[in-house]
Amino acid sequence: MRKNYKTIISRFAEDDLFEILDYYKSINFEFAETLLGAIEDKIKKLKSFPEQGRIVPELEQQNIIDYRELIQGHYRIIYAIQASTVMVHTIIDSRRNLEDLIIKKLMRNY
């Protein structure tokens, strides 16, 4: 029997998502709704398949292997698995300077 994980979206990841959606709503509301649905679907799948995402390469180079990511379009959904919980930490635009941005965003949790 497959284990179901509790999925938590941090307030920081929620803020990231709202910022992304606010940007697209003014340009193309339908795209914003489609993107939201796609990101929500990816996060829902983490309940059953938390290890589906790869380890974040920029962090792995620094020997930090606790964070995984899922890709949705230009966005990276960064999360960690802790016991029976999946914590989504941030959602970032992959077109930005990833190494600095990821470390800055993940450090806001501490």
C-alpha atoms as a PDB file:
ATOM      1  CA  MET A   1       0.000   0.000   0.000  1.00  0.00           C
ATOM      2  CA  ARG A   2       1.286   3.432  -0.964  1.00  0.00           C
ATOM      3  CA  LYS A   3       1.963   5.927   1.814  1.00  0.00           C
ATOM      4  CA  ASN A   4       0.223   9.294   1.592  1.00  0.00           C
ATOM      5  CA  TYR A   5       2.255  12.309   2.651  1.00  0.00           C
ATOM      6  CA  LYS A   6       0.855  15.449   4.198  1.00  0.00           C
ATOM      7  CA  THR A   7       1.580  18.380   1.879  1.00  0.00           C
ATOM      8  CA  ILE A   8       2.145  21.848   3.311  1.00  0.00           C
ATOM      9  CA  ILE A   9       2.648  24.975   1.246  1.00  0.00           C
ATOM     10  CA  SER A  10       4.680  27.530   3.189  1.00  0.00           C
ATOM     11  CA  ARG A  11       3.488  31.104   3.391  1.00  0.00           C
ATOM     12  CA  PHE A  12       6.553  32.027   1.337  1.00  0.00           C
ATOM     13  CA  ALA A  13       5.557  29.643  -1.455  1.00  0.00           C
ATOM     14  CA  GLU A  14       2.012  31.037  -1.313  1.00  0.00           C
ATOM     15  CA  ASP A  15       3.421  34.568  -1.612  1.00  0.00           C
ATOM     16  CA  ASP A  16       5.526  33.463  -4.583  1.00  0.00           C
ATOM     17  CA  LEU A  17       2.506  31.930  -6.280  1.00  0.00           C
ATOM     18  CA  PHE A  18       0.318  34.999  -5.681  1.00  0.00           C
ATOM     19  CA  GLU A  19       3.059  37.222  -7.098  1.00  0.00           C
ATOM     20  CA  ILE A  20       3.335  35.067 -10.225  1.00  0.00           C
ATOM     21  CA  LEU A  21      -0.432  34.940 -10.719  1.00  0.00           C
ATOM     22  CA  ASP A  22      -0.865  38.684 -10.134  1.00  0.00           C
ATOM     23  CA  TYR A  23       1.664  39.344 -12.871  1.00  0.00           C
ATOM     24  CA  TYR A  24      -0.098  37.112 -15.392  1.00  0.00           C
ATOM     25  CA  LYS A  25      -3.652  38.144 -14.480  1.00  0.00           C
ATOM     26  CA  SER A  26      -3.115  41.595 -15.955  1.00  0.00           C
ATOM     27  CA  ILE A  27      -1.660  40.142 -19.146  1.00  0.00           C
ATOM     28  CA  ASN A  28      -3.737  37.002 -19.719  1.00  0.00           C
ATOM     29  CA  PHE A  29      -6.232  35.926 -17.074  1.00  0.00           C
ATOM     30  CA  GLU A  30      -6.889  32.546 -18.709  1.00  0.00           C
ATOM     31  CA  PHE A  31      -3.178  31.736 -18.718  1.00  0.00           C
ATOM     32  CA  ALA A  32      -2.977  32.644 -15.017  1.00  0.00           C
ATOM     33  CA  GLU A  33      -5.823  30.233 -14.242  1.00  0.00           C
ATOM     34  CA  THR A  34      -4.226  27.476 -16.335  1.00  0.00           C
ATOM     35  CA  LEU A  35      -0.861  27.987 -14.652  1.00  0.00           C
ATOM     36  CA  LEU A  36      -2.458  27.884 -11.195  1.00  0.00           C
ATOM     37  CA  GLY A  37      -4.205  24.597 -12.033  1.00  0.00           C
ATOM     38  CA  ALA A  38      -1.012  23.065 -13.381  1.00  0.00           C
ATOM     39  CA  ILE A  39       1.014  24.051 -10.302  1.00  0.00           C
ATOM     40  CA  GLU A  40      -1.721  22.799  -7.971  1.00  0.00           C
ATOM     41  CA  ASP A  41      -1.803  19.467  -9.848  1.00  0.00           C
ATOM     42  CA  LYS A  42       1.971  19.067  -9.489  1.00  0.00           C
ATOM     43  CA  ILE A  43       1.785  19.768  -5.763  1.00  0.00           C
ATOM     44  CA  LYS A  44      -1.153  17.355  -5.278  1.00  0.00           C
ATOM     45  CA  LYS A  45       0.874  14.531  -6.834  1.00  0.00           C
ATOM     46  CA  LEU A  46       3.506  15.008  -4.130  1.00  0.00           C
ATOM     47  CA  LYS A  47       1.083  13.400  -1.651  1.00  0.00           C
ATOM     48  CA  SER A  48       1.623  10.048  -3.319  1.00  0.00           C
ATOM     49  CA  PHE A  49       4.939  10.505  -5.120  1.00  0.00           C
ATOM     50  CA  PRO A  50       7.148  12.911  -3.135  1.00  0.00           C
ATOM     51  CA  GLU A  51      10.399  11.597  -4.596  1.00  0.00           C
ATOM     52  CA  GLN A  52       9.349  12.268  -8.177  1.00  0.00           C
ATOM     53  CA  GLY A  53      11.241  15.561  -8.278  1.00  0.00           C
ATOM     54  CA  ARG A  54      14.961  15.771  -8.807  1.00  0.00           C
ATOM     55  CA  ILE A  55      17.367  17.146  -6.231  1.00  0.00           C
ATOM     56  CA  VAL A  56      17.902  20.860  -6.946  1.00  0.00           C
ATOM     57  CA  PRO A  57      21.160  20.850  -8.981  1.00  0.00           C
ATOM     58  CA  GLU A  58      22.445  24.212  -7.728  1.00  0.00           C
ATOM     59  CA  LEU A  59      22.068  23.076  -4.129  1.00  0.00           C
ATOM     60  CA  GLU A  60      23.434  19.610  -4.810  1.00  0.00           C
ATOM     61  CA  GLN A  61      26.656  21.263  -6.004  1.00  0.00           C
ATOM     62  CA  GLN A  62      26.917  22.700  -2.482  1.00  0.00           C
ATOM     63  CA  ASN A  63      26.239  19.232  -0.959  1.00  0.00           C
ATOM     64  CA  ILE A  64      22.706  20.276   0.039  1.00  0.00           C
ATOM     65  CA  ILE A  65      20.521  17.351  -0.962  1.00  0.00           C
ATOM     66  CA  ASP A  66      17.440  17.966   1.164  1.00  0.00           C
ATOM     67  CA  TYR A  67      15.558  19.932  -1.484  1.00  0.00           C
ATOM     68  CA  ARG A  68      13.820  18.617  -4.581  1.00  0.00           C
ATOM     69  CA  GLU A  69      12.052  20.369  -7.402  1.00  0.00           C
ATOM     70  CA  LEU A  70       9.271  19.940  -9.895  1.00  0.00           C
ATOM     71  CA  ILE A  71       9.213  21.972 -13.087  1.00  0.00           C
ATOM     72  CA  GLN A  72       6.062  23.599 -14.446  1.00  0.00           C
ATOM     73  CA  GLY A  73       6.763  25.731 -17.487  1.00  0.00           C
ATOM     74  CA  HIS A  74       9.266  28.386 -16.413  1.00  0.00           C
ATOM     75  CA  TYR A  75       8.662  27.726 -12.724  1.00  0.00           C
ATOM     76  CA  ARG A  76      10.460  25.550 -10.227  1.00  0.00           C
ATOM     77  CA  ILE A  77       8.492  24.219  -7.265  1.00  0.00           C
ATOM     78  CA  ILE A  78      11.085  23.678  -4.512  1.00  0.00           C
ATOM     79  CA  TYR A  79      10.170  21.315  -1.686  1.00  0.00           C
ATOM     80  CA  ALA A  80      11.601  19.036   0.991  1.00  0.00           C
ATOM     81  CA  ILE A  81      10.451  15.693   2.347  1.00  0.00           C
ATOM     82  CA  GLN A  82      10.461  15.483   6.143  1.00  0.00           C
ATOM     83  CA  ALA A  83       9.244  12.176   7.593  1.00  0.00           C
ATOM     84  CA  SER A  84       5.661  11.885   6.287  1.00  0.00           C
ATOM     85  CA  THR A  85       5.357  15.542   5.289  1.00  0.00           C
ATOM     86  CA  VAL A  86       6.204  17.377   2.092  1.00  0.00           C
ATOM     87  CA  MET A  87       6.906  21.080   2.605  1.00  0.00           C
ATOM     88  CA  VAL A  88       6.769  23.317  -0.471  1.00  0.00           C
ATOM     89  CA  HIS A  89       9.230  26.100   0.320  1.00  0.00           C
ATOM     90  CA  THR A  90       9.219  28.317  -2.752  1.00  0.00           C
ATOM     91  CA  ILE A  91       8.105  28.657  -6.367  1.00  0.00           C
ATOM     92  CA  ILE A  92      10.590  30.523  -8.521  1.00  0.00           C
ATOM     93  CA  ASP A  93      11.034  31.619 -12.102  1.00  0.00           C
ATOM     94  CA  SER A  94      13.802  29.537 -13.648  1.00  0.00           C
ATOM     95  CA  ARG A  95      14.815  32.407 -15.937  1.00  0.00           C
ATOM     96  CA  ARG A  96      16.305  34.308 -13.003  1.00  0.00           C
ATOM     97  CA  ASN A  97      19.723  33.842 -11.344  1.00  0.00           C
ATOM     98  CA  LEU A  98      18.820  30.552  -9.735  1.00  0.00           C
ATOM     99  CA  GLU A  99      21.646  29.898  -7.325  1.00  0.00           C
ATOM    100  CA  ASP A 100      21.430  33.248  -5.533  1.00  0.00           C
ATOM    101  CA  LEU A 101      17.639  33.308  -5.642  1.00  0.00           C
ATOM    102  CA  ILE A 102      17.168  29.778  -4.317  1.00  0.00           C
ATOM    103  CA  ILE A 103      19.571  30.257  -1.434  1.00  0.00           C
ATOM    104  CA  LYS A 104      18.034  33.643  -0.530  1.00  0.00           C
ATOM    105  CA  LYS A 105      14.486  32.263  -0.619  1.00  0.00           C
ATOM    106  CA  LEU A 106      15.284  29.096   1.302  1.00  0.00           C
ATOM    107  CA  MET A 107      17.203  31.031   3.971  1.00  0.00           C
ATOM    108  CA  ARG A 108      14.093  33.078   4.796  1.00  0.00           C
ATOM    109  CA  ASN A 109      12.765  29.930   6.493  1.00  0.00           C
ATOM    110  CA  TYR A 110      15.494  30.134   9.154  1.00  0.00           C
END
